[in-house]
Amino acid sequence: MNTRFLVLATCLVTALVACAAQPAAQVRPAETPVPTAASASQRDAPSSMRLLAVGEAIDLALPGNPSTGYSWEIEADGAPILARQTPPEAAAVASSDPPMVGASQTARFRFVGAKPGRTTLHLVYRRPWEREVAPADEVRLDVEVR
């Protein structure tokens, strides 16, 4: 009985520690043949202005944990100044272990400057069924395309 309790307690503590770890937001430069990519951080001040040329991209990599029900949603996509595109595939981590259940994942978004002008990108991190509840996190970027 004592051994069973010890194994169960060890598994529970390991699972809790794994679920609690979340990586910081990452911004990757564009990997397709666009001129360059502007970087954006999840913690940028709302007043910061990102400058892009037509054809340049902003790639966002935002941490999340879909197993909790939370996901990143686009509130304002910056259209028609910005065009949303499919982000490049993330490089696979070389590992022989299968992904851990409940582990954090990264949501990736790419926006490309479509025409000159100013706009705002706004993404929120929330549970889709909790519309009346404030988001757990959000990203807001002001963008000017020249």
C-alpha atoms as a PDB file:
ATOM      1  CA  MET A   1       0.000   0.000   0.000  1.00  0.00           C
ATOM      2  CA  ASN A   2       2.813   2.392   0.861  1.00  0.00           C
ATOM      3  CA  THR A   3       4.527   1.801  -2.498  1.00  0.00           C
ATOM      4  CA  ARG A   4       1.309   2.477  -4.416  1.00  0.00           C
ATOM      5  CA  PHE A   5       0.793   5.746  -2.574  1.00  0.00           C
ATOM      6  CA  LEU A   6       4.382   6.836  -3.231  1.00  0.00           C
ATOM      7  CA  VAL A   7       4.101   6.049  -6.977  1.00  0.00           C
ATOM      8  CA  LEU A   8       0.743   7.846  -7.225  1.00  0.00           C
ATOM      9  CA  ALA A   9       2.046  10.912  -5.368  1.00  0.00           C
ATOM     10  CA  THR A  10       5.165  11.059  -7.563  1.00  0.00           C
ATOM     11  CA  CYS A  11       3.062  10.866 -10.754  1.00  0.00           C
ATOM     12  CA  LEU A  12       0.716  13.581  -9.509  1.00  0.00           C
ATOM     13  CA  VAL A  13       3.529  15.967  -8.589  1.00  0.00           C
ATOM     14  CA  THR A  14       5.255  15.353 -11.942  1.00  0.00           C
ATOM     15  CA  ALA A  15       2.031  16.073 -13.854  1.00  0.00           C
ATOM     16  CA  LEU A  16       1.402  19.290 -11.909  1.00  0.00           C
ATOM     17  CA  VAL A  17       4.931  20.553 -12.515  1.00  0.00           C
ATOM     18  CA  ALA A  18       4.684  19.784 -16.248  1.00  0.00           C
ATOM     19  CA  CYS A  19       1.331  21.569 -16.579  1.00  0.00           C
ATOM     20  CA  ALA A  20       2.560  24.656 -14.752  1.00  0.00           C
ATOM     21  CA  ALA A  21       5.491  25.327 -17.099  1.00  0.00           C
ATOM     22  CA  GLN A  22       4.693  27.646 -20.031  1.00  0.00           C
ATOM     23  CA  PRO A  23       7.297  29.104 -22.375  1.00  0.00           C
ATOM     24  CA  ALA A  24       7.472  32.841 -23.041  1.00  0.00           C
ATOM     25  CA  ALA A  25       6.125  34.256 -26.286  1.00  0.00           C
ATOM     26  CA  GLN A  26       8.457  33.811 -29.201  1.00  0.00           C
ATOM     27  CA  VAL A  27       8.604  35.813 -32.364  1.00  0.00           C
ATOM     28  CA  ARG A  28      10.273  34.230 -35.328  1.00  0.00           C
ATOM     29  CA  PRO A  29      11.398  36.045 -38.447  1.00  0.00           C
ATOM     30  CA  ALA A  30       9.630  35.187 -41.685  1.00  0.00           C
ATOM     31  CA  GLU A  31      10.978  32.014 -43.291  1.00  0.00           C
ATOM     32  CA  THR A  32       9.378  32.416 -46.721  1.00  0.00           C
ATOM     33  CA  PRO A  33      10.720  34.630 -49.490  1.00  0.00           C
ATOM     34  CA  VAL A  34       9.293  37.904 -48.165  1.00  0.00           C
ATOM     35  CA  PRO A  35      11.791  40.747 -47.707  1.00  0.00           C
ATOM     36  CA  THR A  36      12.033  40.709 -43.894  1.00  0.00           C
ATOM     37  CA  ALA A  37       9.773  40.223 -40.916  1.00  0.00           C
ATOM     38  CA  ALA A  38       9.056  42.648 -38.138  1.00  0.00           C
ATOM     39  CA  SER A  39       9.212  41.157 -34.693  1.00  0.00           C
ATOM     40  CA  ALA A  40       6.493  41.477 -32.093  1.00  0.00           C
ATOM     41  CA  SER A  41       6.459  40.389 -28.497  1.00  0.00           C
ATOM     42  CA  GLN A  42       3.437  39.341 -26.489  1.00  0.00           C
ATOM     43  CA  ARG A  43       4.333  41.969 -23.910  1.00  0.00           C
ATOM     44  CA  ASP A  44       4.739  44.943 -26.289  1.00  0.00           C
ATOM     45  CA  ALA A  45       3.244  48.180 -25.032  1.00  0.00           C
ATOM     46  CA  PRO A  46      -0.087  48.991 -26.734  1.00  0.00           C
ATOM     47  CA  SER A  47       1.321  52.289 -27.985  1.00  0.00           C
ATOM     48  CA  SER A  48       4.211  50.688 -29.888  1.00  0.00           C
ATOM     49  CA  MET A  49       4.009  51.086 -33.657  1.00  0.00           C
ATOM     50  CA  ARG A  50       5.379  48.390 -35.969  1.00  0.00           C
ATOM     51  CA  LEU A  51       6.506  49.598 -39.390  1.00  0.00           C
ATOM     52  CA  LEU A  52       6.241  47.256 -42.369  1.00  0.00           C
ATOM     53  CA  ALA A  53       6.686  47.592 -46.096  1.00  0.00           C
ATOM     54  CA  VAL A  54       4.104  46.036 -48.398  1.00  0.00           C
ATOM     55  CA  GLY A  55       5.004  42.326 -48.544  1.00  0.00           C
ATOM     56  CA  GLU A  56       6.763  42.199 -45.151  1.00  0.00           C
ATOM     57  CA  ALA A  57       5.423  39.837 -42.516  1.00  0.00           C
ATOM     58  CA  ILE A  58       4.797  39.774 -38.779  1.00  0.00           C
ATOM     59  CA  ASP A  59       5.035  36.273 -37.319  1.00  0.00           C
ATOM     60  CA  LEU A  60       3.569  35.768 -33.856  1.00  0.00           C
ATOM     61  CA  ALA A  61       4.298  32.699 -31.723  1.00  0.00           C
ATOM     62  CA  LEU A  62       2.106  32.800 -28.613  1.00  0.00           C
ATOM     63  CA  PRO A  63       2.232  30.270 -25.769  1.00  0.00           C
ATOM     64  CA  GLY A  64      -0.905  28.477 -24.715  1.00  0.00           C
ATOM     65  CA  ASN A  65      -2.313  25.282 -23.309  1.00  0.00           C
ATOM     66  CA  PRO A  66      -5.337  24.041 -25.281  1.00  0.00           C
ATOM     67  CA  SER A  67      -5.919  21.197 -22.811  1.00  0.00           C
ATOM     68  CA  THR A  68      -7.232  23.848 -20.367  1.00  0.00           C
ATOM     69  CA  GLY A  69      -9.815  25.031 -22.908  1.00  0.00           C
ATOM     70  CA  TYR A  70      -8.005  28.299 -23.640  1.00  0.00           C
ATOM     71  CA  SER A  71      -7.024  29.291 -27.172  1.00  0.00           C
ATOM     72  CA  TRP A  72      -5.847  32.375 -29.035  1.00  0.00           C
ATOM     73  CA  GLU A  73      -8.559  34.124 -31.068  1.00  0.00           C
ATOM     74  CA  ILE A  74      -8.194  36.998 -33.504  1.00  0.00           C
ATOM     75  CA  GLU A  75     -10.393  39.925 -32.488  1.00  0.00           C
ATOM     76  CA  ALA A  76      -9.044  42.349 -35.127  1.00  0.00           C
ATOM     77  CA  ASP A  77      -6.954  41.061 -38.041  1.00  0.00           C
ATOM     78  CA  GLY A  78      -5.942  44.434 -39.465  1.00  0.00           C
ATOM     79  CA  ALA A  79      -7.722  43.891 -42.800  1.00  0.00           C
ATOM     80  CA  PRO A  80      -7.499  45.287 -45.428  1.00  0.00           C
ATOM     81  CA  ILE A  81      -4.098  46.786 -44.481  1.00  0.00           C
ATOM     82  CA  LEU A  82      -2.813  43.378 -43.338  1.00  0.00           C
ATOM     83  CA  ALA A  83      -3.580  39.986 -44.840  1.00  0.00           C
ATOM     84  CA  ARG A  84      -3.556  36.869 -42.688  1.00  0.00           C
ATOM     85  CA  GLN A  85      -1.524  34.003 -44.106  1.00  0.00           C
ATOM     86  CA  THR A  86      -0.674  30.491 -43.037  1.00  0.00           C
ATOM     87  CA  PRO A  87       2.480  30.645 -40.908  1.00  0.00           C
ATOM     88  CA  PRO A  88       5.445  28.442 -41.812  1.00  0.00           C
ATOM     89  CA  GLU A  89       5.648  25.100 -40.060  1.00  0.00           C
ATOM     90  CA  ALA A  90       7.655  25.181 -36.848  1.00  0.00           C
ATOM     91  CA  ALA A  91      10.801  23.110 -36.810  1.00  0.00           C
ATOM     92  CA  ALA A  92      10.137  19.799 -35.111  1.00  0.00           C
ATOM     93  CA  VAL A  93      12.038  19.169 -31.911  1.00  0.00           C
ATOM     94  CA  ALA A  94      14.172  16.058 -32.260  1.00  0.00           C
ATOM     95  CA  SER A  95      12.870  13.781 -29.553  1.00  0.00           C
ATOM     96  CA  SER A  96      12.082  10.107 -29.315  1.00  0.00           C
ATOM     97  CA  ASP A  97       9.483  10.764 -26.623  1.00  0.00           C
ATOM     98  CA  PRO A  98       5.843  11.325 -27.599  1.00  0.00           C
ATOM     99  CA  PRO A  99       4.403  14.758 -26.700  1.00  0.00           C
ATOM    100  CA  MET A 100       3.241  15.037 -23.115  1.00  0.00           C
ATOM    101  CA  VAL A 101      -0.493  15.181 -22.464  1.00  0.00           C
ATOM    102  CA  GLY A 102      -1.441  18.622 -21.138  1.00  0.00           C
ATOM    103  CA  ALA A 103       1.843  20.204 -22.236  1.00  0.00           C
ATOM    104  CA  SER A 104       1.852  23.779 -23.496  1.00  0.00           C
ATOM    105  CA  GLN A 105       1.725  24.456 -27.221  1.00  0.00           C
ATOM    106  CA  THR A 106       2.540  27.464 -29.370  1.00  0.00           C
ATOM    107  CA  ALA A 107      -0.111  29.172 -31.505  1.00  0.00           C
ATOM    108  CA  ARG A 108       1.386  30.688 -34.650  1.00  0.00           C
ATOM    109  CA  PHE A 109      -0.003  33.565 -36.689  1.00  0.00           C
ATOM    110  CA  ARG A 110       1.350  35.422 -39.741  1.00  0.00           C
ATOM    111  CA  PHE A 111       0.174  38.776 -41.062  1.00  0.00           C
ATOM    112  CA  VAL A 112       1.596  40.346 -44.232  1.00  0.00           C
ATOM    113  CA  GLY A 113       1.440  44.025 -45.205  1.00  0.00           C
ATOM    114  CA  ALA A 114      -1.091  44.133 -48.056  1.00  0.00           C
ATOM    115  CA  LYS A 115      -1.425  47.873 -48.718  1.00  0.00           C
ATOM    116  CA  PRO A 116      -0.277  51.153 -47.141  1.00  0.00           C
ATOM    117  CA  GLY A 117      -2.104  52.393 -44.070  1.00  0.00           C
ATOM    118  CA  ARG A 118      -2.437  52.044 -40.281  1.00  0.00           C
ATOM    119  CA  THR A 119      -4.272  49.306 -38.423  1.00  0.00           C
ATOM    120  CA  THR A 120      -4.326  47.320 -35.182  1.00  0.00           C
ATOM    121  CA  LEU A 121      -3.880  43.607 -34.560  1.00  0.00           C
ATOM    122  CA  HIS A 122      -5.739  42.331 -31.502  1.00  0.00           C
ATOM    123  CA  LEU A 123      -5.607  38.721 -30.278  1.00  0.00           C
ATOM    124  CA  VAL A 124      -7.141  37.396 -27.061  1.00  0.00           C
ATOM    125  CA  TYR A 125      -6.465  34.230 -25.050  1.00  0.00           C
ATOM    126  CA  ARG A 126      -9.693  32.836 -23.616  1.00  0.00           C
ATOM    127  CA  ARG A 127     -12.101  29.949 -23.493  1.00  0.00           C
ATOM    128  CA  PRO A 128     -14.469  30.262 -26.479  1.00  0.00           C
ATOM    129  CA  TRP A 129     -17.574  29.610 -24.374  1.00  0.00           C
ATOM    130  CA  GLU A 130     -16.726  32.343 -21.834  1.00  0.00           C
ATOM    131  CA  ARG A 131     -17.491  35.430 -23.958  1.00  0.00           C
ATOM    132  CA  GLU A 132     -18.657  37.521 -20.989  1.00  0.00           C
ATOM    133  CA  VAL A 133     -15.426  36.851 -19.041  1.00  0.00           C
ATOM    134  CA  ALA A 134     -12.353  39.041 -19.558  1.00  0.00           C
ATOM    135  CA  PRO A 135      -9.569  37.321 -21.557  1.00  0.00           C
ATOM    136  CA  ALA A 136      -6.760  35.679 -19.601  1.00  0.00           C
ATOM    137  CA  ASP A 137      -4.239  37.451 -21.845  1.00  0.00           C
ATOM    138  CA  GLU A 138      -4.173  39.599 -24.963  1.00  0.00           C
ATOM    139  CA  VAL A 139      -1.838  40.977 -27.610  1.00  0.00           C
ATOM    140  CA  ARG A 140      -2.468  44.342 -29.285  1.00  0.00           C
ATOM    141  CA  LEU A 141      -0.105  45.718 -31.927  1.00  0.00           C
ATOM    142  CA  ASP A 142      -0.426  48.935 -33.875  1.00  0.00           C
ATOM    143  CA  VAL A 143       0.949  48.473 -37.376  1.00  0.00           C
ATOM    144  CA  GLU A 144       1.774  50.925 -40.146  1.00  0.00           C
ATOM    145  CA  VAL A 145       2.382  49.580 -43.648  1.00  0.00           C
ATOM    146  CA  ARG A 146       4.276  51.897 -46.022  1.00  0.00           C
END
